[in-house]
């Protein structure tokens, strides 16, 4: 007797594969965007270090359609921060970027950046 759920299982397997491939494409695109933004911050604002952290830094956390790029930057003058945030948003479309100055972030965030971050 044929398995009545075989077609359903095949469809779910196929959809799962498509979702994983889309997830990987989005992650690659986000990392490429993060590298471009980091270069922009270094050239336009003299940033000494740019670190990608949280979900984008690893491969294990799924990215949703509204996942953002979390960047920590060292060497960005506080007077330039808000302008840099606005410019970075333009550079990163279609992604949103959360930009934090390492010099001003709380110790708990420093720990997250040290533990999860990777230089871009």
PDB file of N, CA and C in Angstrom:
ATOM      1  N   UNK A   1       0.843  -1.176   0.000  1.00  0.00           N
ATOM      2  CA  UNK A   1       0.000   0.000   0.000  1.00  0.00           C
ATOM      3  C   UNK A   1       0.897   1.250   0.000  1.00  0.00           C
ATOM      4  N   UNK A   2       0.648   2.200  -0.891  1.00  0.00           N
ATOM      5  CA  UNK A   2       1.472   3.408  -0.967  1.00  0.00           C
ATOM      6  C   UNK A   2       1.319   4.263   0.297  1.00  0.00           C
ATOM      7  N   UNK A   3       2.394   4.940   0.616  1.00  0.00           N
ATOM      8  CA  UNK A   3       2.401   5.824   1.783  1.00  0.00           C
ATOM      9  C   UNK A   3       1.604   7.088   1.446  1.00  0.00           C
ATOM     10  N   UNK A   4       0.495   7.341   2.158  1.00  0.00           N
ATOM     11  CA  UNK A   4      -0.332   8.510   1.828  1.00  0.00           C
ATOM     12  C   UNK A   4       0.350   9.844   2.164  1.00  0.00           C
ATOM     13  N   UNK A   5       1.384   9.812   2.994  1.00  0.00           N
ATOM     14  CA  UNK A   5       2.056  11.043   3.378  1.00  0.00           C
ATOM     15  C   UNK A   5       3.367  11.278   2.626  1.00  0.00           C
ATOM     16  N   UNK A   6       3.703  10.390   1.703  1.00  0.00           N
ATOM     17  CA  UNK A   6       4.975  10.504   0.981  1.00  0.00           C
ATOM     18  C   UNK A   6       5.075  11.822   0.220  1.00  0.00           C
ATOM     19  N   UNK A   7       4.027  12.216  -0.457  1.00  0.00           N
ATOM     20  CA  UNK A   7       4.031  13.462  -1.224  1.00  0.00           C
ATOM     21  C   UNK A   7       4.215  14.658  -0.287  1.00  0.00           C
ATOM     22  N   UNK A   8       3.535  14.628   0.843  1.00  0.00           N
ATOM     23  CA  UNK A   8       3.646  15.707   1.832  1.00  0.00           C
ATOM     24  C   UNK A   8       5.082  15.805   2.347  1.00  0.00           C
ATOM     25  N   UNK A   9       5.673  14.668   2.693  1.00  0.00           N
ATOM     26  CA  UNK A   9       7.048  14.663   3.206  1.00  0.00           C
ATOM     27  C   UNK A   9       8.033  15.169   2.147  1.00  0.00           C
ATOM     28  N   UNK A  10       7.834  14.758   0.900  1.00  0.00           N
ATOM     29  CA  UNK A  10       8.709  15.235  -0.177  1.00  0.00           C
ATOM     30  C   UNK A  10       8.612  16.757  -0.339  1.00  0.00           C
ATOM     31  N   UNK A  11       7.400  17.259  -0.273  1.00  0.00           N
ATOM     32  CA  UNK A  11       7.191  18.705  -0.397  1.00  0.00           C
ATOM     33  C   UNK A  11       7.863  19.443   0.751  1.00  0.00           C
ATOM     34  N   UNK A  12       7.711  18.935   1.966  1.00  0.00           N
ATOM     35  CA  UNK A  12       8.315  19.586   3.127  1.00  0.00           C
ATOM     36  C   UNK A  12       9.844  19.535   3.049  1.00  0.00           C
ATOM     37  N   UNK A  13      10.398  18.434   2.590  1.00  0.00           N
ATOM     38  CA  UNK A  13      11.848  18.308   2.422  1.00  0.00           C
ATOM     39  C   UNK A  13      12.350  19.333   1.396  1.00  0.00           C
ATOM     40  N   UNK A  14      11.620  19.432   0.285  1.00  0.00           N
ATOM     41  CA  UNK A  14      11.996  20.368  -0.772  1.00  0.00           C
ATOM     42  C   UNK A  14      11.923  21.817  -0.254  1.00  0.00           C
ATOM     43  N   UNK A  15      10.856  22.150   0.454  1.00  0.00           N
ATOM     44  CA  UNK A  15      10.714  23.504   1.004  1.00  0.00           C
ATOM     45  C   UNK A  15      11.813  23.797   2.028  1.00  0.00           C
ATOM     46  N   UNK A  16      12.148  22.805   2.833  1.00  0.00           N
ATOM     47  CA  UNK A  16      13.225  22.985   3.807  1.00  0.00           C
ATOM     48  C   UNK A  16      14.548  23.278   3.120  1.00  0.00           C
ATOM     49  N   UNK A  17      14.824  22.559   2.035  1.00  0.00           N
ATOM     50  CA  UNK A  17      16.053  22.795   1.270  1.00  0.00           C
ATOM     51  C   UNK A  17      16.066  24.184   0.659  1.00  0.00           C
ATOM     52  N   UNK A  18      14.936  24.609   0.139  1.00  0.00           N
ATOM     53  CA  UNK A  18      14.836  25.950  -0.442  1.00  0.00           C
ATOM     54  C   UNK A  18      15.064  27.016   0.633  1.00  0.00           C
ATOM     55  N   UNK A  19      14.478  26.809   1.795  1.00  0.00           N
ATOM     56  CA  UNK A  19      14.630  27.768   2.898  1.00  0.00           C
ATOM     57  C   UNK A  19      16.093  27.853   3.343  1.00  0.00           C
ATOM     58  N   UNK A  20      16.776  26.717   3.427  1.00  0.00           N
ATOM     59  CA  UNK A  20      18.187  26.722   3.823  1.00  0.00           C
ATOM     60  C   UNK A  20      19.041  27.450   2.784  1.00  0.00           C
ATOM     61  N   UNK A  21      18.755  27.224   1.510  1.00  0.00           N
ATOM     62  CA  UNK A  21      19.519  27.906   0.464  1.00  0.00           C
ATOM     63  C   UNK A  21      19.267  29.419   0.502  1.00  0.00           C
ATOM     64  N   UNK A  22      18.026  29.814   0.701  1.00  0.00           N
ATOM     65  CA  UNK A  22      17.697  31.236   0.799  1.00  0.00           C
ATOM     66  C   UNK A  22      18.384  31.867   2.013  1.00  0.00           C
ATOM     67  N   UNK A  23      18.394  31.134   3.110  1.00  0.00           N
ATOM     68  CA  UNK A  23      19.042  31.596   4.337  1.00  0.00           C
ATOM     69  C   UNK A  23      20.541  31.847   4.083  1.00  0.00           C
ATOM     70  N   UNK A  24      21.176  30.923   3.400  1.00  0.00           N
ATOM     71  CA  UNK A  24      22.601  31.053   3.104  1.00  0.00           C
ATOM     72  C   UNK A  24      22.856  32.226   2.148  1.00  0.00           C
ATOM     73  N   UNK A  25      22.009  32.418   1.143  1.00  0.00           N
ATOM     74  CA  UNK A  25      22.156  33.560   0.233  1.00  0.00           C
ATOM     75  C   UNK A  25      22.035  34.879   1.002  1.00  0.00           C
ATOM     76  N   UNK A  26      21.054  34.944   1.899  1.00  0.00           N
ATOM     77  CA  UNK A  26      20.852  36.167   2.691  1.00  0.00           C
ATOM     78  C   UNK A  26      22.064  36.420   3.601  1.00  0.00           C
ATOM     79  N   UNK A  27      22.582  35.375   4.218  1.00  0.00           N
ATOM     80  CA  UNK A  27      23.738  35.529   5.097  1.00  0.00           C
ATOM     81  C   UNK A  27      24.960  36.006   4.301  1.00  0.00           C
ATOM     82  N   UNK A  28      25.196  35.440   3.124  1.00  0.00           N
ATOM     83  CA  UNK A  28      26.331  35.873   2.288  1.00  0.00           C
ATOM     84  C   UNK A  28      26.174  37.338   1.873  1.00  0.00           C
ATOM     85  N   UNK A  29      24.958  37.702   1.485  1.00  0.00           N
ATOM     86  CA  UNK A  29      24.696  39.079   1.064  1.00  0.00           C
ATOM     87  C   UNK A  29      24.889  40.047   2.241  1.00  0.00           C
ATOM     88  N   UNK A  30      24.440  39.664   3.416  1.00  0.00           N
ATOM     89  CA  UNK A  30      24.583  40.513   4.597  1.00  0.00           C
ATOM     90  C   UNK A  30      26.059  40.674   4.972  1.00  0.00           C
ATOM     91  N   UNK A  31      26.818  39.610   4.905  1.00  0.00           N
ATOM     92  CA  UNK A  31      28.248  39.703   5.234  1.00  0.00           C
ATOM     93  C   UNK A  31      28.995  40.565   4.218  1.00  0.00           C
ATOM     94  N   UNK A  32      28.634  40.429   2.960  1.00  0.00           N
ATOM     95  CA  UNK A  32      29.242  41.271   1.921  1.00  0.00           C
ATOM     96  C   UNK A  32      28.905  42.740   2.191  1.00  0.00           C
ATOM     97  N   UNK A  33      27.674  43.002   2.568  1.00  0.00           N
ATOM     98  CA  UNK A  33      27.248  44.359   2.912  1.00  0.00           C
ATOM     99  C   UNK A  33      28.021  44.862   4.125  1.00  0.00           C
ATOM    100  N   UNK A  34      28.191  44.005   5.128  1.00  0.00           N
ATOM    101  CA  UNK A  34      28.936  44.395   6.332  1.00  0.00           C
ATOM    102  C   UNK A  34      30.377  44.768   5.976  1.00  0.00           C
ATOM    103  N   UNK A  35      31.001  44.009   5.094  1.00  0.00           N
ATOM    104  CA  UNK A  35      32.374  44.328   4.677  1.00  0.00           C
ATOM    105  C   UNK A  35      32.421  45.676   3.950  1.00  0.00           C
ATOM    106  N   UNK A  36      31.442  45.921   3.087  1.00  0.00           N
ATOM    107  CA  UNK A  36      31.388  47.186   2.353  1.00  0.00           C
ATOM    108  C   UNK A  36      31.208  48.370   3.321  1.00  0.00           C
ATOM    109  N   UNK A  37      30.308  48.204   4.291  1.00  0.00           N
ATOM    110  CA  UNK A  37      30.066  49.246   5.285  1.00  0.00           C
ATOM    111  C   UNK A  37      31.318  49.483   6.136  1.00  0.00           C
ATOM    112  N   UNK A  38      32.001  48.417   6.510  1.00  0.00           N
ATOM    113  CA  UNK A  38      33.224  48.538   7.308  1.00  0.00           C
ATOM    114  C   UNK A  38      34.279  49.327   6.536  1.00  0.00           C
ATOM    115  N   UNK A  39      34.436  49.028   5.261  1.00  0.00           N
ATOM    116  CA  UNK A  39      35.389  49.778   4.434  1.00  0.00           C
ATOM    117  C   UNK A  39      35.001  51.252   4.372  1.00  0.00           C
ATOM    118  N   UNK A  40      33.719  51.501   4.219  1.00  0.00           N
ATOM    119  CA  UNK A  40      33.236  52.880   4.189  1.00  0.00           C
ATOM    120  C   UNK A  40      33.579  53.604   5.501  1.00  0.00           C
ATOM    121  N   UNK A  41      33.330  52.953   6.618  1.00  0.00           N
ATOM    122  CA  UNK A  41      33.618  53.560   7.926  1.00  0.00           C
ATOM    123  C   UNK A  41      35.111  53.836   8.101  1.00  0.00           C
ATOM    124  N   UNK A  42      35.942  52.932   7.618  1.00  0.00           N
ATOM    125  CA  UNK A  42      37.384  53.140   7.728  1.00  0.00           C
ATOM    126  C   UNK A  42      37.837  54.327   6.866  1.00  0.00           C
ATOM    127  N   UNK A  43      37.336  54.388   5.631  1.00  0.00           N
ATOM    128  CA  UNK A  43      37.786  55.443   4.707  1.00  0.00           C
ATOM    129  C   UNK A  43      37.143  56.798   5.007  1.00  0.00           C
ATOM    130  N   UNK A  44      35.859  56.821   5.271  1.00  0.00           N
ATOM    131  CA  UNK A  44      35.165  58.095   5.458  1.00  0.00           C
ATOM    132  C   UNK A  44      35.334  58.679   6.858  1.00  0.00           C
ATOM    133  N   UNK A  45      35.486  57.798   7.861  1.00  0.00           N
ATOM    134  CA  UNK A  45      35.518  58.283   9.247  1.00  0.00           C
ATOM    135  C   UNK A  45      36.759  57.866  10.027  1.00  0.00           C
ATOM    136  N   UNK A  46      37.673  57.168   9.390  1.00  0.00           N
ATOM    137  CA  UNK A  46      38.902  56.775  10.064  1.00  0.00           C
ATOM    138  C   UNK A  46      38.726  55.720  11.139  1.00  0.00           C
ATOM    139  N   UNK A  47      37.682  54.906  11.027  1.00  0.00           N
ATOM    140  CA  UNK A  47      37.469  53.846  12.019  1.00  0.00           C
ATOM    141  C   UNK A  47      38.681  52.921  12.050  1.00  0.00           C
ATOM    142  N   UNK A  48      39.133  52.610  13.242  1.00  0.00           N
ATOM    143  CA  UNK A  48      40.306  51.751  13.416  1.00  0.00           C
ATOM    144  C   UNK A  48      39.932  50.273  13.374  1.00  0.00           C
ATOM    145  N   UNK A  49      38.712  49.950  13.805  1.00  0.00           N
ATOM    146  CA  UNK A  49      38.285  48.548  13.863  1.00  0.00           C
ATOM    147  C   UNK A  49      36.770  48.497  13.697  1.00  0.00           C
ATOM    148  N   UNK A  50      36.305  47.518  12.919  1.00  0.00           N
ATOM    149  CA  UNK A  50      34.872  47.281  12.762  1.00  0.00           C
ATOM    150  C   UNK A  50      34.638  45.796  12.992  1.00  0.00           C
ATOM    151  N   UNK A  51      33.704  45.493  13.907  1.00  0.00           N
ATOM    152  CA  UNK A  51      33.434  44.113  14.309  1.00  0.00           C
ATOM    153  C   UNK A  51      31.972  43.781  14.029  1.00  0.00           C
ATOM    154  N   UNK A  52      31.772  42.672  13.351  1.00  0.00           N
ATOM    155  CA  UNK A  52      30.432  42.131  13.108  1.00  0.00           C
ATOM    156  C   UNK A  52      30.119  41.199  14.267  1.00  0.00           C
ATOM    157  N   UNK A  53      28.929  41.347  14.865  1.00  0.00           N
ATOM    158  CA  UNK A  53      28.587  40.480  15.986  1.00  0.00           C
ATOM    159  C   UNK A  53      27.109  40.119  15.941  1.00  0.00           C
ATOM    160  N   UNK A  54      26.730  39.262  16.873  1.00  0.00           N
ATOM    161  CA  UNK A  54      25.382  38.690  17.007  1.00  0.00           C
ATOM    162  C   UNK A  54      25.080  37.768  15.833  1.00  0.00           C
ATOM    163  N   UNK A  55      23.838  37.654  15.383  1.00  0.00           N
ATOM    164  CA  UNK A  55      23.493  36.583  14.439  1.00  0.00           C
ATOM    165  C   UNK A  55      24.322  36.534  13.165  1.00  0.00           C
ATOM    166  N   UNK A  56      24.680  37.677  12.621  1.00  0.00           N
ATOM    167  CA  UNK A  56      25.411  37.661  11.353  1.00  0.00           C
ATOM    168  C   UNK A  56      26.811  37.082  11.486  1.00  0.00           C
ATOM    169  N   UNK A  57      27.373  37.148  12.676  1.00  0.00           N
ATOM    170  CA  UNK A  57      28.740  36.671  12.858  1.00  0.00           C
ATOM    171  C   UNK A  57      28.833  35.148  12.809  1.00  0.00           C
ATOM    172  N   UNK A  58      27.772  34.452  13.184  1.00  0.00           N
ATOM    173  CA  UNK A  58      27.798  32.997  13.202  1.00  0.00           C
ATOM    174  C   UNK A  58      26.947  32.407  12.096  1.00  0.00           C
ATOM    175  N   UNK A  59      26.957  31.087  12.011  1.00  0.00           N
ATOM    176  CA  UNK A  59      26.168  30.403  11.001  1.00  0.00           C
ATOM    177  C   UNK A  59      24.973  29.673  11.587  1.00  0.00           C
ATOM    178  N   UNK A  60      24.906  29.600  12.906  1.00  0.00           N
ATOM    179  CA  UNK A  60      23.909  28.747  13.528  1.00  0.00           C
ATOM    180  C   UNK A  60      22.552  29.414  13.748  1.00  0.00           C
ATOM    181  N   UNK A  61      22.514  30.732  13.828  1.00  0.00           N
ATOM    182  CA  UNK A  61      21.256  31.421  14.112  1.00  0.00           C
ATOM    183  C   UNK A  61      20.563  31.764  12.799  1.00  0.00           C
ATOM    184  N   UNK A  62      19.311  31.355  12.637  1.00  0.00           N
ATOM    185  CA  UNK A  62      18.596  31.688  11.403  1.00  0.00           C
ATOM    186  C   UNK A  62      18.360  33.192  11.286  1.00  0.00           C
ATOM    187  N   UNK A  63      18.415  33.679  10.071  1.00  0.00           N
ATOM    188  CA  UNK A  63      18.166  35.091   9.816  1.00  0.00           C
ATOM    189  C   UNK A  63      16.776  35.263   9.241  1.00  0.00           C
ATOM    190  N   UNK A  64      16.025  36.148   9.820  1.00  0.00           N
ATOM    191  CA  UNK A  64      14.710  36.453   9.292  1.00  0.00           C
ATOM    192  C   UNK A  64      14.788  37.561   8.266  1.00  0.00           C
ATOM    193  N   UNK A  65      13.691  37.844   7.614  1.00  0.00           N
ATOM    194  CA  UNK A  65      13.701  38.896   6.597  1.00  0.00           C
ATOM    195  C   UNK A  65      13.979  40.285   7.178  1.00  0.00           C
ATOM    196  N   UNK A  66      13.824  40.430   8.497  1.00  0.00           N
ATOM    197  CA  UNK A  66      14.072  41.728   9.114  1.00  0.00           C
ATOM    198  C   UNK A  66      15.305  41.706  10.010  1.00  0.00           C
ATOM    199  N   UNK A  67      16.151  40.692   9.867  1.00  0.00           N
ATOM    200  CA  UNK A  67      17.391  40.651  10.644  1.00  0.00           C
ATOM    201  C   UNK A  67      18.279  41.814  10.227  1.00  0.00           C
ATOM    202  N   UNK A  68      18.947  42.396  11.201  1.00  0.00           N
ATOM    203  CA  UNK A  68      19.817  43.524  10.899  1.00  0.00           C
ATOM    204  C   UNK A  68      21.277  43.110  11.027  1.00  0.00           C
ATOM    205  N   UNK A  69      22.140  44.036  10.671  1.00  0.00           N
ATOM    206  CA  UNK A  69      23.578  43.838  10.763  1.00  0.00           C
ATOM    207  C   UNK A  69      24.054  44.619  11.985  1.00  0.00           C
ATOM    208  N   UNK A  70      24.662  43.923  12.938  1.00  0.00           N
ATOM    209  CA  UNK A  70      25.164  44.560  14.153  1.00  0.00           C
ATOM    210  C   UNK A  70      26.667  44.787  14.001  1.00  0.00           C
ATOM    211  N   UNK A  71      27.067  46.048  14.036  1.00  0.00           N
ATOM    212  CA  UNK A  71      28.480  46.397  13.904  1.00  0.00           C
ATOM    213  C   UNK A  71      28.927  47.232  15.094  1.00  0.00           C
ATOM    214  N   UNK A  72      30.092  46.894  15.602  1.00  0.00           N
ATOM    215  CA  UNK A  72      30.738  47.695  16.644  1.00  0.00           C
ATOM    216  C   UNK A  72      31.952  48.344  15.991  1.00  0.00           C
ATOM    217  N   UNK A  73      32.144  49.611  16.263  1.00  0.00           N
ATOM    218  CA  UNK A  73      33.228  50.347  15.619  1.00  0.00           C
ATOM    219  C   UNK A  73      34.091  51.041  16.673  1.00  0.00           C
ATOM    220  N   UNK A  74      35.404  50.945  16.473  1.00  0.00           N
ATOM    221  CA  UNK A  74      36.363  51.642  17.341  1.00  0.00           C
ATOM    222  C   UNK A  74      37.013  52.739  16.503  1.00  0.00           C
ATOM    223  N   UNK A  75      37.131  53.916  17.115  1.00  0.00           N
ATOM    224  CA  UNK A  75      37.816  55.007  16.434  1.00  0.00           C
ATOM    225  C   UNK A  75      36.888  55.944  15.680  1.00  0.00           C
ATOM    226  N   UNK A  76      35.603  55.804  15.839  1.00  0.00           N
ATOM    227  CA  UNK A  76      34.644  56.727  15.235  1.00  0.00           C
ATOM    228  C   UNK A  76      34.387  57.848  16.243  1.00  0.00           C
ATOM    229  N   UNK A  77      34.712  59.073  15.864  1.00  0.00           N
ATOM    230  CA  UNK A  77      34.493  60.202  16.770  1.00  0.00           C
ATOM    231  C   UNK A  77      33.025  60.313  17.131  1.00  0.00           C
ATOM    232  N   UNK A  78      32.766  60.621  18.400  1.00  0.00           N
ATOM    233  CA  UNK A  78      31.373  60.715  18.830  1.00  0.00           C
ATOM    234  C   UNK A  78      30.641  61.834  18.109  1.00  0.00           C
ATOM    235  N   UNK A  79      31.356  62.877  17.676  1.00  0.00           N
ATOM    236  CA  UNK A  79      30.726  63.959  16.922  1.00  0.00           C
ATOM    237  C   UNK A  79      30.248  63.492  15.548  1.00  0.00           C
ATOM    238  N   UNK A  80      30.857  62.442  15.028  1.00  0.00           N
ATOM    239  CA  UNK A  80      30.502  61.918  13.701  1.00  0.00           C
ATOM    240  C   UNK A  80      29.487  60.776  13.762  1.00  0.00           C
ATOM    241  N   UNK A  81      29.166  60.314  14.950  1.00  0.00           N
ATOM    242  CA  UNK A  81      28.361  59.101  15.098  1.00  0.00           C
ATOM    243  C   UNK A  81      27.031  59.169  14.353  1.00  0.00           C
ATOM    244  N   UNK A  82      26.224  60.185  14.587  1.00  0.00           N
ATOM    245  CA  UNK A  82      24.887  60.224  13.992  1.00  0.00           C
ATOM    246  C   UNK A  82      24.936  60.375  12.475  1.00  0.00           C
ATOM    247  N   UNK A  83      25.874  61.142  11.996  1.00  0.00           N
ATOM    248  CA  UNK A  83      26.048  61.244  10.548  1.00  0.00           C
ATOM    249  C   UNK A  83      26.454  59.887   9.973  1.00  0.00           C
ATOM    250  N   UNK A  84      27.380  59.218  10.647  1.00  0.00           N
ATOM    251  CA  UNK A  84      27.830  57.901  10.179  1.00  0.00           C
ATOM    252  C   UNK A  84      26.685  56.902  10.167  1.00  0.00           C
ATOM    253  N   UNK A  85      25.855  56.920  11.187  1.00  0.00           N
ATOM    254  CA  UNK A  85      24.704  56.010  11.228  1.00  0.00           C
ATOM    255  C   UNK A  85      23.808  56.238  10.018  1.00  0.00           C
ATOM    256  N   UNK A  86      23.516  57.489   9.719  1.00  0.00           N
ATOM    257  CA  UNK A  86      22.658  57.804   8.571  1.00  0.00           C
ATOM    258  C   UNK A  86      23.300  57.356   7.266  1.00  0.00           C
ATOM    259  N   UNK A  87      24.581  57.620   7.104  1.00  0.00           N
ATOM    260  CA  UNK A  87      25.281  57.234   5.867  1.00  0.00           C
ATOM    261  C   UNK A  87      25.365  55.715   5.720  1.00  0.00           C
ATOM    262  N   UNK A  88      25.601  55.045   6.826  1.00  0.00           N
ATOM    263  CA  UNK A  88      25.710  53.588   6.815  1.00  0.00           C
ATOM    264  C   UNK A  88      24.380  52.951   6.399  1.00  0.00           C
ATOM    265  N   UNK A  89      23.278  53.526   6.838  1.00  0.00           N
ATOM    266  CA  UNK A  89      21.965  52.987   6.440  1.00  0.00           C
ATOM    267  C   UNK A  89      21.818  53.042   4.921  1.00  0.00           C
ATOM    268  N   UNK A  90      22.279  54.128   4.311  1.00  0.00           N
ATOM    269  CA  UNK A  90      22.224  54.244   2.849  1.00  0.00           C
ATOM    270  C   UNK A  90      23.122  53.198   2.177  1.00  0.00           C
ATOM    271  N   UNK A  91      24.294  52.975   2.761  1.00  0.00           N
ATOM    272  CA  UNK A  91      25.243  52.004   2.201  1.00  0.00           C
ATOM    273  C   UNK A  91      24.737  50.568   2.303  1.00  0.00           C
ATOM    274  N   UNK A  92      23.898  50.288   3.291  1.00  0.00           N
ATOM    275  CA  UNK A  92      23.543  48.907   3.619  1.00  0.00           C
ATOM    276  C   UNK A  92      22.219  48.428   3.035  1.00  0.00           C
ATOM    277  N   UNK A  93      21.486  49.275   2.340  1.00  0.00           N
ATOM    278  CA  UNK A  93      20.185  48.874   1.794  1.00  0.00           C
ATOM    279  C   UNK A  93      20.342  47.545   1.073  1.00  0.00           C
ATOM    280  N   UNK A  94      19.485  46.561   1.325  1.00  0.00           N
ATOM    281  CA  UNK A  94      18.197  46.566   2.004  1.00  0.00           C
ATOM    282  C   UNK A  94      18.280  46.227   3.494  1.00  0.00           C
ATOM    283  N   UNK A  95      19.476  46.121   4.037  1.00  0.00           N
ATOM    284  CA  UNK A  95      19.631  45.763   5.445  1.00  0.00           C
ATOM    285  C   UNK A  95      19.623  47.009   6.326  1.00  0.00           C
ATOM    286  N   UNK A  96      19.186  46.832   7.549  1.00  0.00           N
ATOM    287  CA  UNK A  96      19.335  47.859   8.578  1.00  0.00           C
ATOM    288  C   UNK A  96      20.631  47.554   9.323  1.00  0.00           C
ATOM    289  N   UNK A  97      21.298  48.585   9.795  1.00  0.00           N
ATOM    290  CA  UNK A  97      22.535  48.406  10.538  1.00  0.00           C
ATOM    291  C   UNK A  97      22.372  49.020  11.918  1.00  0.00           C
ATOM    292  N   UNK A  98      22.734  48.248  12.937  1.00  0.00           N
ATOM    293  CA  UNK A  98      22.857  48.775  14.296  1.00  0.00           C
ATOM    294  C   UNK A  98      24.341  49.025  14.512  1.00  0.00           C
ATOM    295  N   UNK A  99      24.696  50.279  14.716  1.00  0.00           N
ATOM    296  CA  UNK A  99      26.089  50.670  14.851  1.00  0.00           C
ATOM    297  C   UNK A  99      26.337  51.155  16.275  1.00  0.00           C
ATOM    298  N   UNK A 100      27.315  50.554  16.935  1.00  0.00           N
ATOM    299  CA  UNK A 100      27.667  50.983  18.292  1.00  0.00           C
ATOM    300  C   UNK A 100      29.141  51.365  18.322  1.00  0.00           C
ATOM    301  N   UNK A 101      29.430  52.378  19.104  1.00  0.00           N
ATOM    302  CA  UNK A 101      30.821  52.776  19.328  1.00  0.00           C
ATOM    303  C   UNK A 101      31.360  51.935  20.472  1.00  0.00           C
ATOM    304  N   UNK A 102      32.429  51.213  20.229  1.00  0.00           N
ATOM    305  CA  UNK A 102      33.020  50.345  21.249  1.00  0.00           C
ATOM    306  C   UNK A 102      33.402  51.159  22.481  1.00  0.00           C
ATOM    307  N   UNK A 103      33.877  52.373  22.261  1.00  0.00           N
ATOM    308  CA  UNK A 103      34.318  53.203  23.378  1.00  0.00           C
ATOM    309  C   UNK A 103      33.173  53.572  24.327  1.00  0.00           C
ATOM    310  N   UNK A 104      31.946  53.509  23.871  1.00  0.00           N
ATOM    311  CA  UNK A 104      30.816  53.947  24.696  1.00  0.00           C
ATOM    312  C   UNK A 104      29.872  52.823  25.105  1.00  0.00           C
ATOM    313  N   UNK A 105      30.092  51.613  24.648  1.00  0.00           N
ATOM    314  CA  UNK A 105      29.113  50.569  24.965  1.00  0.00           C
ATOM    315  C   UNK A 105      29.364  49.993  26.364  1.00  0.00           C
ATOM    316  N   UNK A 106      28.298  49.506  27.005  1.00  0.00           N
ATOM    317  CA  UNK A 106      28.441  48.928  28.351  1.00  0.00           C
ATOM    318  C   UNK A 106      29.294  47.660  28.331  1.00  0.00           C
ATOM    319  N   UNK A 107      29.821  47.319  29.491  1.00  0.00           N
ATOM    320  CA  UNK A 107      30.693  46.142  29.600  1.00  0.00           C
ATOM    321  C   UNK A 107      29.994  44.864  29.140  1.00  0.00           C
ATOM    322  N   UNK A 108      28.705  44.748  29.402  1.00  0.00           N
ATOM    323  CA  UNK A 108      27.970  43.542  28.979  1.00  0.00           C
ATOM    324  C   UNK A 108      27.990  43.395  27.456  1.00  0.00           C
ATOM    325  N   UNK A 109      27.885  44.509  26.727  1.00  0.00           N
ATOM    326  CA  UNK A 109      27.954  44.457  25.265  1.00  0.00           C
ATOM    327  C   UNK A 109      29.382  44.215  24.808  1.00  0.00           C
ATOM    328  N   UNK A 110      30.363  44.787  25.518  1.00  0.00           N
ATOM    329  CA  UNK A 110      31.771  44.491  25.223  1.00  0.00           C
ATOM    330  C   UNK A 110      32.006  42.982  25.252  1.00  0.00           C
ATOM    331  N   UNK A 111      31.442  42.329  26.246  1.00  0.00           N
ATOM    332  CA  UNK A 111      31.621  40.878  26.382  1.00  0.00           C
ATOM    333  C   UNK A 111      31.000  40.143  25.203  1.00  0.00           C
ATOM    334  N   UNK A 112      29.825  40.549  24.774  1.00  0.00           N
ATOM    335  CA  UNK A 112      29.173  39.929  23.610  1.00  0.00           C
ATOM    336  C   UNK A 112      30.043  40.121  22.371  1.00  0.00           C
ATOM    337  N   UNK A 113      30.561  41.314  22.189  1.00  0.00           N
ATOM    338  CA  UNK A 113      31.410  41.612  21.031  1.00  0.00           C
ATOM    339  C   UNK A 113      32.680  40.762  21.070  1.00  0.00           C
ATOM    340  N   UNK A 114      33.304  40.652  22.236  1.00  0.00           N
ATOM    341  CA  UNK A 114      34.513  39.821  22.370  1.00  0.00           C
ATOM    342  C   UNK A 114      34.216  38.346  22.098  1.00  0.00           C
ATOM    343  N   UNK A 115      33.089  37.873  22.619  1.00  0.00           N
ATOM    344  CA  UNK A 115      32.741  36.453  22.522  1.00  0.00           C
ATOM    345  C   UNK A 115      32.246  36.076  21.120  1.00  0.00           C
ATOM    346  N   UNK A 116      31.416  36.919  20.512  1.00  0.00           N
ATOM    347  CA  UNK A 116      30.733  36.547  19.270  1.00  0.00           C
ATOM    348  C   UNK A 116      31.262  37.259  18.028  1.00  0.00           C
ATOM    349  N   UNK A 117      32.029  38.311  18.220  1.00  0.00           N
ATOM    350  CA  UNK A 117      32.385  39.166  17.096  1.00  0.00           C
ATOM    351  C   UNK A 117      33.505  38.657  16.213  1.00  0.00           C
ATOM    352  N   UNK A 118      33.493  39.162  14.995  1.00  0.00           N
ATOM    353  CA  UNK A 118      34.602  38.894  14.067  1.00  0.00           C
ATOM    354  C   UNK A 118      34.870  40.187  13.293  1.00  0.00           C
ATOM    355  N   UNK A 119      36.138  40.489  13.114  1.00  0.00           N
ATOM    356  CA  UNK A 119      36.518  41.704  12.384  1.00  0.00           C
ATOM    357  C   UNK A 119      36.083  41.604  10.929  1.00  0.00           C
ATOM    358  N   UNK A 120      35.595  42.734  10.412  1.00  0.00           N
ATOM    359  CA  UNK A 120      35.229  42.805   8.990  1.00  0.00           C
ATOM    360  C   UNK A 120      35.983  43.936   8.342  1.00  0.00           C
TER     361      UNK A 120
END
